Amino acid sequence: MALFDTIVQKRNNFKGYTGEPPVDEADYNARKDAMFDGEVPTWTEIKSEMDNYVDPRVSAKAKLIAGEALTEDEANTIVL
């Protein structure tokens, strides 16, 4: 799954898209109205979330080593 997908699927108004995820602002802007119902996030918002994304598997390992509590997303990455 592409990072773009991980970010936008968290939004309640995301409807999906066909083909490959957008690669830049122009591509996103050309397709965004078909991807969302209602208020559409800007490319800057999406890009910022992608830039700041930390894979839950990575953060879960660090927190377990440090003895810290995990988020639900982090806990879901652990296979017992």
N, C-alpha and C. Protein backbone atom coordinates (compact mmCIF):
# COMPACT_ATOMS: atom_id res chain seq x y z
N MET A 1 0.84 -1.17 0.00
CA MET A 1 0.00 0.00 0.00
C MET A 1 0.89 1.24 0.00
N ALA A 2 0.53 2.20 -0.81
CA ALA A 2 1.29 3.44 -0.90
C ALA A 2 1.03 4.31 0.34
N LEU A 3 2.01 5.11 0.70
CA LEU A 3 1.86 6.01 1.85
C LEU A 3 0.68 6.95 1.65
N PHE A 4 0.46 7.41 0.43
CA PHE A 4 -0.70 8.26 0.15
C PHE A 4 -1.98 7.55 0.61
N ASP A 5 -2.12 6.28 0.28
CA ASP A 5 -3.30 5.51 0.66
C ASP A 5 -3.45 5.42 2.17
N THR A 6 -2.36 5.18 2.87
CA THR A 6 -2.38 5.08 4.32
C THR A 6 -2.91 6.37 4.93
N ILE A 7 -2.49 7.50 4.40
CA ILE A 7 -2.89 8.81 4.94
C ILE A 7 -4.35 9.11 4.63
N VAL A 8 -4.76 8.98 3.38
CA VAL A 8 -6.12 9.41 3.01
C VAL A 8 -7.20 8.44 3.49
N GLN A 9 -6.87 7.18 3.68
CA GLN A 9 -7.89 6.23 4.14
C GLN A 9 -8.34 6.50 5.57
N LYS A 10 -7.61 7.32 6.30
CA LYS A 10 -8.00 7.70 7.66
C LYS A 10 -9.12 8.74 7.65
N ARG A 11 -9.36 9.35 6.49
CA ARG A 11 -10.39 10.39 6.39
C ARG A 11 -11.74 9.75 6.07
N ASN A 12 -12.76 10.19 6.80
CA ASN A 12 -14.10 9.62 6.64
C ASN A 12 -14.70 9.91 5.27
N ASN A 13 -14.28 10.97 4.62
CA ASN A 13 -14.88 11.35 3.35
C ASN A 13 -14.10 10.85 2.13
N PHE A 14 -13.12 9.99 2.34
CA PHE A 14 -12.34 9.44 1.22
C PHE A 14 -13.15 8.36 0.52
N LYS A 15 -13.32 8.52 -0.81
CA LYS A 15 -14.10 7.55 -1.60
C LYS A 15 -13.23 6.55 -2.33
N GLY A 16 -11.97 6.88 -2.57
CA GLY A 16 -11.08 6.01 -3.32
C GLY A 16 -10.70 6.63 -4.65
N TYR A 17 -9.92 5.87 -5.42
CA TYR A 17 -9.49 6.30 -6.75
C TYR A 17 -9.11 5.07 -7.54
N THR A 18 -8.95 5.25 -8.84
CA THR A 18 -8.50 4.14 -9.67
C THR A 18 -7.09 4.44 -10.17
N GLY A 19 -6.34 3.41 -10.42
CA GLY A 19 -4.98 3.59 -10.91
C GLY A 19 -3.99 3.82 -9.79
N GLU A 20 -2.94 4.50 -10.11
CA GLU A 20 -1.86 4.78 -9.17
C GLU A 20 -2.19 6.01 -8.33
N PRO A 21 -1.60 6.13 -7.12
CA PRO A 21 -1.83 7.33 -6.32
C PRO A 21 -1.21 8.56 -6.98
N PRO A 22 -1.72 9.74 -6.66
CA PRO A 22 -1.15 10.97 -7.22
C PRO A 22 0.33 11.10 -6.86
N VAL A 23 1.11 11.64 -7.79
CA VAL A 23 2.55 11.76 -7.56
C VAL A 23 2.98 13.18 -7.23
N ASP A 24 2.11 14.15 -7.51
CA ASP A 24 2.46 15.54 -7.20
C ASP A 24 1.19 16.36 -7.08
N GLU A 25 1.34 17.63 -6.80
CA GLU A 25 0.20 18.51 -6.56
C GLU A 25 -0.70 18.63 -7.79
N ALA A 26 -0.12 18.76 -8.96
CA ALA A 26 -0.92 18.89 -10.18
C ALA A 26 -1.77 17.64 -10.41
N ASP A 27 -1.17 16.48 -10.24
CA ASP A 27 -1.88 15.22 -10.40
C ASP A 27 -3.00 15.12 -9.37
N TYR A 28 -2.71 15.44 -8.13
CA TYR A 28 -3.71 15.40 -7.06
C TYR A 28 -4.86 16.35 -7.35
N ASN A 29 -4.54 17.59 -7.71
CA ASN A 29 -5.58 18.59 -7.96
C ASN A 29 -6.50 18.19 -9.10
N ALA A 30 -5.97 17.50 -10.08
CA ALA A 30 -6.78 17.06 -11.22
C ALA A 30 -7.75 15.94 -10.82
N ARG A 31 -7.46 15.22 -9.75
CA ARG A 31 -8.24 14.04 -9.37
C ARG A 31 -8.96 14.15 -8.03
N LYS A 32 -8.66 15.15 -7.25
CA LYS A 32 -9.11 15.19 -5.85
C LYS A 32 -10.62 15.22 -5.67
N ASP A 33 -11.35 15.90 -6.53
CA ASP A 33 -12.81 15.99 -6.34
C ASP A 33 -13.48 14.63 -6.48
N ALA A 34 -12.93 13.75 -7.27
CA ALA A 34 -13.49 12.41 -7.42
C ALA A 34 -13.09 11.50 -6.25
N MET A 35 -12.06 11.88 -5.51
CA MET A 35 -11.57 11.05 -4.41
C MET A 35 -12.30 11.27 -3.09
N PHE A 36 -12.90 12.44 -2.92
CA PHE A 36 -13.47 12.81 -1.63
C PHE A 36 -14.89 13.33 -1.77
N ASP A 37 -15.69 13.11 -0.73
CA ASP A 37 -16.99 13.74 -0.58
C ASP A 37 -16.80 14.97 0.30
N GLY A 38 -17.53 16.02 0.02
CA GLY A 38 -17.47 17.20 0.89
C GLY A 38 -16.15 17.93 0.81
N GLU A 39 -15.64 18.33 1.97
CA GLU A 39 -14.41 19.12 2.04
C GLU A 39 -13.21 18.28 1.61
N VAL A 40 -12.47 18.81 0.67
CA VAL A 40 -11.32 18.11 0.11
C VAL A 40 -10.04 18.67 0.72
N PRO A 41 -9.18 17.82 1.28
CA PRO A 41 -7.92 18.32 1.81
C PRO A 41 -7.01 18.82 0.69
N THR A 42 -6.19 19.78 1.01
CA THR A 42 -5.24 20.30 0.03
C THR A 42 -4.07 19.34 -0.10
N TRP A 43 -3.32 19.47 -1.18
CA TRP A 43 -2.11 18.67 -1.37
C TRP A 43 -1.13 18.96 -0.24
N THR A 44 -1.06 20.22 0.19
CA THR A 44 -0.14 20.60 1.26
C THR A 44 -0.47 19.84 2.55
N GLU A 45 -1.77 19.70 2.85
CA GLU A 45 -2.18 18.94 4.04
C GLU A 45 -1.79 17.47 3.92
N ILE A 46 -2.09 16.88 2.77
CA ILE A 46 -1.77 15.47 2.54
C ILE A 46 -0.26 15.26 2.59
N LYS A 47 0.48 16.11 1.89
CA LYS A 47 1.94 15.99 1.83
C LYS A 47 2.56 16.14 3.22
N SER A 48 2.04 17.08 4.00
CA SER A 48 2.55 17.27 5.37
C SER A 48 2.33 16.02 6.21
N GLU A 49 1.15 15.41 6.10
CA GLU A 49 0.88 14.18 6.84
C GLU A 49 1.79 13.05 6.38
N MET A 50 2.05 12.97 5.08
CA MET A 50 2.94 11.94 4.56
C MET A 50 4.37 12.17 5.06
N ASP A 51 4.80 13.42 5.06
CA ASP A 51 6.16 13.74 5.51
C ASP A 51 6.36 13.44 6.99
N ASN A 52 5.29 13.59 7.79
CA ASN A 52 5.38 13.39 9.24
C ASN A 52 4.98 12.00 9.70
N TYR A 53 4.60 11.14 8.76
CA TYR A 53 4.13 9.80 9.10
C TYR A 53 5.27 8.95 9.67
N VAL A 54 4.97 8.26 10.76
CA VAL A 54 5.89 7.30 11.35
C VAL A 54 5.20 5.95 11.31
N ASP A 55 5.83 4.99 10.70
CA ASP A 55 5.28 3.64 10.60
C ASP A 55 5.04 3.10 12.01
N PRO A 56 3.81 2.64 12.31
CA PRO A 56 3.51 2.12 13.65
C PRO A 56 4.41 0.98 14.08
N ARG A 57 4.92 0.19 13.12
CA ARG A 57 5.83 -0.90 13.49
C ARG A 57 7.12 -0.35 14.07
N VAL A 58 7.59 0.75 13.52
CA VAL A 58 8.83 1.36 14.00
C VAL A 58 8.62 1.99 15.38
N SER A 59 7.54 2.76 15.53
CA SER A 59 7.29 3.41 16.81
C SER A 59 6.93 2.39 17.90
N ALA A 60 6.25 1.30 17.52
CA ALA A 60 5.90 0.27 18.51
C ALA A 60 7.15 -0.36 19.09
N LYS A 61 8.11 -0.68 18.25
CA LYS A 61 9.34 -1.30 18.73
C LYS A 61 10.06 -0.37 19.69
N ALA A 62 10.18 0.89 19.33
CA ALA A 62 10.87 1.86 20.19
C ALA A 62 10.16 2.00 21.53
N LYS A 63 8.83 2.05 21.50
CA LYS A 63 8.08 2.20 22.75
C LYS A 63 8.18 0.95 23.62
N LEU A 64 8.14 -0.22 23.00
CA LEU A 64 8.27 -1.45 23.78
C LEU A 64 9.62 -1.52 24.48
N ILE A 65 10.66 -1.15 23.77
CA ILE A 65 12.00 -1.15 24.36
C ILE A 65 12.08 -0.17 25.52
N ALA A 66 11.40 0.99 25.37
CA ALA A 66 11.44 2.02 26.41
C ALA A 66 10.40 1.79 27.51
N GLY A 67 9.56 0.76 27.36
CA GLY A 67 8.53 0.47 28.37
C GLY A 67 7.37 1.44 28.34
N GLU A 68 7.10 2.05 27.19
CA GLU A 68 6.01 3.02 27.06
C GLU A 68 4.76 2.34 26.51
N ALA A 69 3.61 2.97 26.75
CA ALA A 69 2.33 2.45 26.25
C ALA A 69 2.25 2.63 24.73
N LEU A 70 1.58 1.68 24.08
CA LEU A 70 1.41 1.72 22.63
C LEU A 70 0.05 2.30 22.27
N THR A 71 -0.03 2.92 21.09
CA THR A 71 -1.32 3.31 20.55
C THR A 71 -2.01 2.06 20.00
N GLU A 72 -3.29 2.17 19.67
CA GLU A 72 -4.00 1.02 19.10
C GLU A 72 -3.38 0.60 17.77
N ASP A 73 -3.02 1.56 16.92
CA ASP A 73 -2.37 1.23 15.64
C ASP A 73 -1.07 0.48 15.85
N GLU A 74 -0.29 0.92 16.84
CA GLU A 74 0.97 0.24 17.12
C GLU A 74 0.74 -1.17 17.65
N ALA A 75 -0.23 -1.31 18.53
CA ALA A 75 -0.55 -2.63 19.09
C ALA A 75 -1.03 -3.59 18.00
N ASN A 76 -1.76 -3.06 17.03
CA ASN A 76 -2.26 -3.91 15.95
C ASN A 76 -1.17 -4.43 15.04
N THR A 77 0.00 -3.85 15.09
CA THR A 77 1.11 -4.31 14.24
C THR A 77 1.82 -5.51 14.83
N ILE A 78 1.57 -5.79 16.09
CA ILE A 78 2.27 -6.88 16.78
C ILE A 78 1.55 -8.20 16.51
N VAL A 79 2.28 -9.17 16.06
CA VAL A 79 1.73 -10.50 15.80
C VAL A 79 2.18 -11.42 16.93
N LEU A 80 1.21 -12.00 17.60
CA LEU A 80 1.54 -12.91 18.71
C LEU A 80 1.39 -14.34 18.28
